[in-house]
């Protein structure tokens, strides 16, 4: 079986709260052995780290600011993200 890395997933989002465990199990069964989770903004960090803590050998955080969350105050947002590391 081929092994895969999911290089971009927001599986920590609340829309996946009900079936996250099952989705991760299906991904593993399909050969996915790691998932990289980019955060969206400072508010998404707690959920992102919670999933990474729950699945430490599968889910890995990527810190930054999603392009759709860039606004006039982006430097403050980036500083907040940096301080949460």
C-alpha atoms as a PDB file:
ATOM      1  CA  UNK A   1       0.000   0.000   0.000  1.00  0.00           C
ATOM      2  CA  UNK A   2       1.235   3.499  -0.790  1.00  0.00           C
ATOM      3  CA  UNK A   3       1.835   5.867   2.108  1.00  0.00           C
ATOM      4  CA  UNK A   4       0.558   9.439   1.960  1.00  0.00           C
ATOM      5  CA  UNK A   5       0.870  12.751   3.792  1.00  0.00           C
ATOM      6  CA  UNK A   6      -2.060  15.143   3.797  1.00  0.00           C
ATOM      7  CA  UNK A   7      -0.245  18.463   3.395  1.00  0.00           C
ATOM      8  CA  UNK A   8      -3.184  20.769   4.132  1.00  0.00           C
ATOM      9  CA  UNK A   9      -6.210  19.975   6.250  1.00  0.00           C
ATOM     10  CA  UNK A  10      -8.338  22.016   8.636  1.00  0.00           C
ATOM     11  CA  UNK A  11      -9.739  18.915  10.330  1.00  0.00           C
ATOM     12  CA  UNK A  12      -9.584  20.777  13.640  1.00  0.00           C
ATOM     13  CA  UNK A  13     -12.512  22.952  12.481  1.00  0.00           C
ATOM     14  CA  UNK A  14     -15.742  22.710  14.437  1.00  0.00           C
ATOM     15  CA  UNK A  15     -17.554  21.326  11.393  1.00  0.00           C
ATOM     16  CA  UNK A  16     -15.554  18.121  11.954  1.00  0.00           C
ATOM     17  CA  UNK A  17     -16.266  17.800  15.693  1.00  0.00           C
ATOM     18  CA  UNK A  18     -18.883  15.075  15.229  1.00  0.00           C
ATOM     19  CA  UNK A  19     -16.901  12.731  12.990  1.00  0.00           C
ATOM     20  CA  UNK A  20     -13.230  13.760  13.291  1.00  0.00           C
ATOM     21  CA  UNK A  21     -12.151  10.455  14.818  1.00  0.00           C
ATOM     22  CA  UNK A  22     -13.850   8.450  12.076  1.00  0.00           C
ATOM     23  CA  UNK A  23     -12.417  10.683   9.351  1.00  0.00           C
ATOM     24  CA  UNK A  24      -8.901  10.245  10.700  1.00  0.00           C
ATOM     25  CA  UNK A  25      -9.355   6.479  10.909  1.00  0.00           C
ATOM     26  CA  UNK A  26     -10.556   6.375   7.289  1.00  0.00           C
ATOM     27  CA  UNK A  27      -7.562   8.458   6.221  1.00  0.00           C
ATOM     28  CA  UNK A  28      -5.199   6.063   8.008  1.00  0.00           C
ATOM     29  CA  UNK A  29      -6.899   3.074   6.396  1.00  0.00           C
ATOM     30  CA  UNK A  30      -6.340   4.749   3.005  1.00  0.00           C
ATOM     31  CA  UNK A  31      -2.610   5.045   3.720  1.00  0.00           C
ATOM     32  CA  UNK A  32      -2.379   8.573   5.139  1.00  0.00           C
ATOM     33  CA  UNK A  33       0.196   8.432   7.937  1.00  0.00           C
ATOM     34  CA  UNK A  34       0.504  12.162   8.677  1.00  0.00           C
ATOM     35  CA  UNK A  35      -1.591  15.306   8.339  1.00  0.00           C
ATOM     36  CA  UNK A  36      -0.273  18.864   8.370  1.00  0.00           C
ATOM     37  CA  UNK A  37      -2.717  21.308   9.955  1.00  0.00           C
ATOM     38  CA  UNK A  38      -2.266  24.982   9.022  1.00  0.00           C
ATOM     39  CA  UNK A  39      -3.910  27.430  11.366  1.00  0.00           C
ATOM     40  CA  UNK A  40      -6.191  30.134  10.013  1.00  0.00           C
ATOM     41  CA  UNK A  41      -5.645  32.924  12.534  1.00  0.00           C
ATOM     42  CA  UNK A  42      -4.986  33.379  16.254  1.00  0.00           C
ATOM     43  CA  UNK A  43      -8.480  32.151  17.145  1.00  0.00           C
ATOM     44  CA  UNK A  44      -7.953  28.787  15.447  1.00  0.00           C
ATOM     45  CA  UNK A  45      -4.825  27.898  17.435  1.00  0.00           C
ATOM     46  CA  UNK A  46      -6.487  26.251  20.487  1.00  0.00           C
ATOM     47  CA  UNK A  47      -8.545  23.859  18.342  1.00  0.00           C
ATOM     48  CA  UNK A  48      -5.549  23.105  16.127  1.00  0.00           C
ATOM     49  CA  UNK A  49      -3.313  22.234  19.092  1.00  0.00           C
ATOM     50  CA  UNK A  50      -6.088  20.204  20.720  1.00  0.00           C
ATOM     51  CA  UNK A  51      -6.308  17.936  17.659  1.00  0.00           C
ATOM     52  CA  UNK A  52      -2.509  17.687  17.439  1.00  0.00           C
ATOM     53  CA  UNK A  53      -2.423  16.694  21.127  1.00  0.00           C
ATOM     54  CA  UNK A  54      -5.166  14.081  20.582  1.00  0.00           C
ATOM     55  CA  UNK A  55      -3.365  12.580  17.552  1.00  0.00           C
ATOM     56  CA  UNK A  56       0.351  13.220  18.259  1.00  0.00           C
ATOM     57  CA  UNK A  57       1.674  10.660  15.788  1.00  0.00           C
ATOM     58  CA  UNK A  58      -0.636  11.821  13.007  1.00  0.00           C
ATOM     59  CA  UNK A  59      -1.511  15.538  13.215  1.00  0.00           C
ATOM     60  CA  UNK A  60       1.199  18.226  13.034  1.00  0.00           C
ATOM     61  CA  UNK A  61       0.656  21.988  13.405  1.00  0.00           C
ATOM     62  CA  UNK A  62       1.735  24.619  10.893  1.00  0.00           C
ATOM     63  CA  UNK A  63       1.668  28.170  12.223  1.00  0.00           C
ATOM     64  CA  UNK A  64       0.955  31.273  10.193  1.00  0.00           C
ATOM     65  CA  UNK A  65      -1.847  33.429   8.890  1.00  0.00           C
ATOM     66  CA  UNK A  66      -4.207  32.126   6.227  1.00  0.00           C
ATOM     67  CA  UNK A  67      -4.440  34.445   3.201  1.00  0.00           C
ATOM     68  CA  UNK A  68      -8.188  34.866   3.688  1.00  0.00           C
ATOM     69  CA  UNK A  69      -7.531  36.234   7.192  1.00  0.00           C
ATOM     70  CA  UNK A  70      -5.117  38.975   6.169  1.00  0.00           C
ATOM     71  CA  UNK A  71      -6.531  42.437   6.831  1.00  0.00           C
ATOM     72  CA  UNK A  72      -5.252  45.914   7.700  1.00  0.00           C
ATOM     73  CA  UNK A  73      -4.192  44.744  11.170  1.00  0.00           C
ATOM     74  CA  UNK A  74      -2.282  41.671   9.970  1.00  0.00           C
ATOM     75  CA  UNK A  75       0.938  42.583  11.823  1.00  0.00           C
ATOM     76  CA  UNK A  76      -0.885  42.510  15.167  1.00  0.00           C
ATOM     77  CA  UNK A  77      -2.481  39.186  14.243  1.00  0.00           C
ATOM     78  CA  UNK A  78       0.915  37.723  13.290  1.00  0.00           C
ATOM     79  CA  UNK A  79       2.412  38.942  16.573  1.00  0.00           C
ATOM     80  CA  UNK A  80      -0.451  37.299  18.489  1.00  0.00           C
ATOM     81  CA  UNK A  81       0.168  34.031  16.634  1.00  0.00           C
ATOM     82  CA  UNK A  82       3.908  34.257  17.311  1.00  0.00           C
ATOM     83  CA  UNK A  83       3.277  34.769  21.023  1.00  0.00           C
ATOM     84  CA  UNK A  84       1.031  31.684  21.185  1.00  0.00           C
ATOM     85  CA  UNK A  85       3.856  29.367  20.105  1.00  0.00           C
END
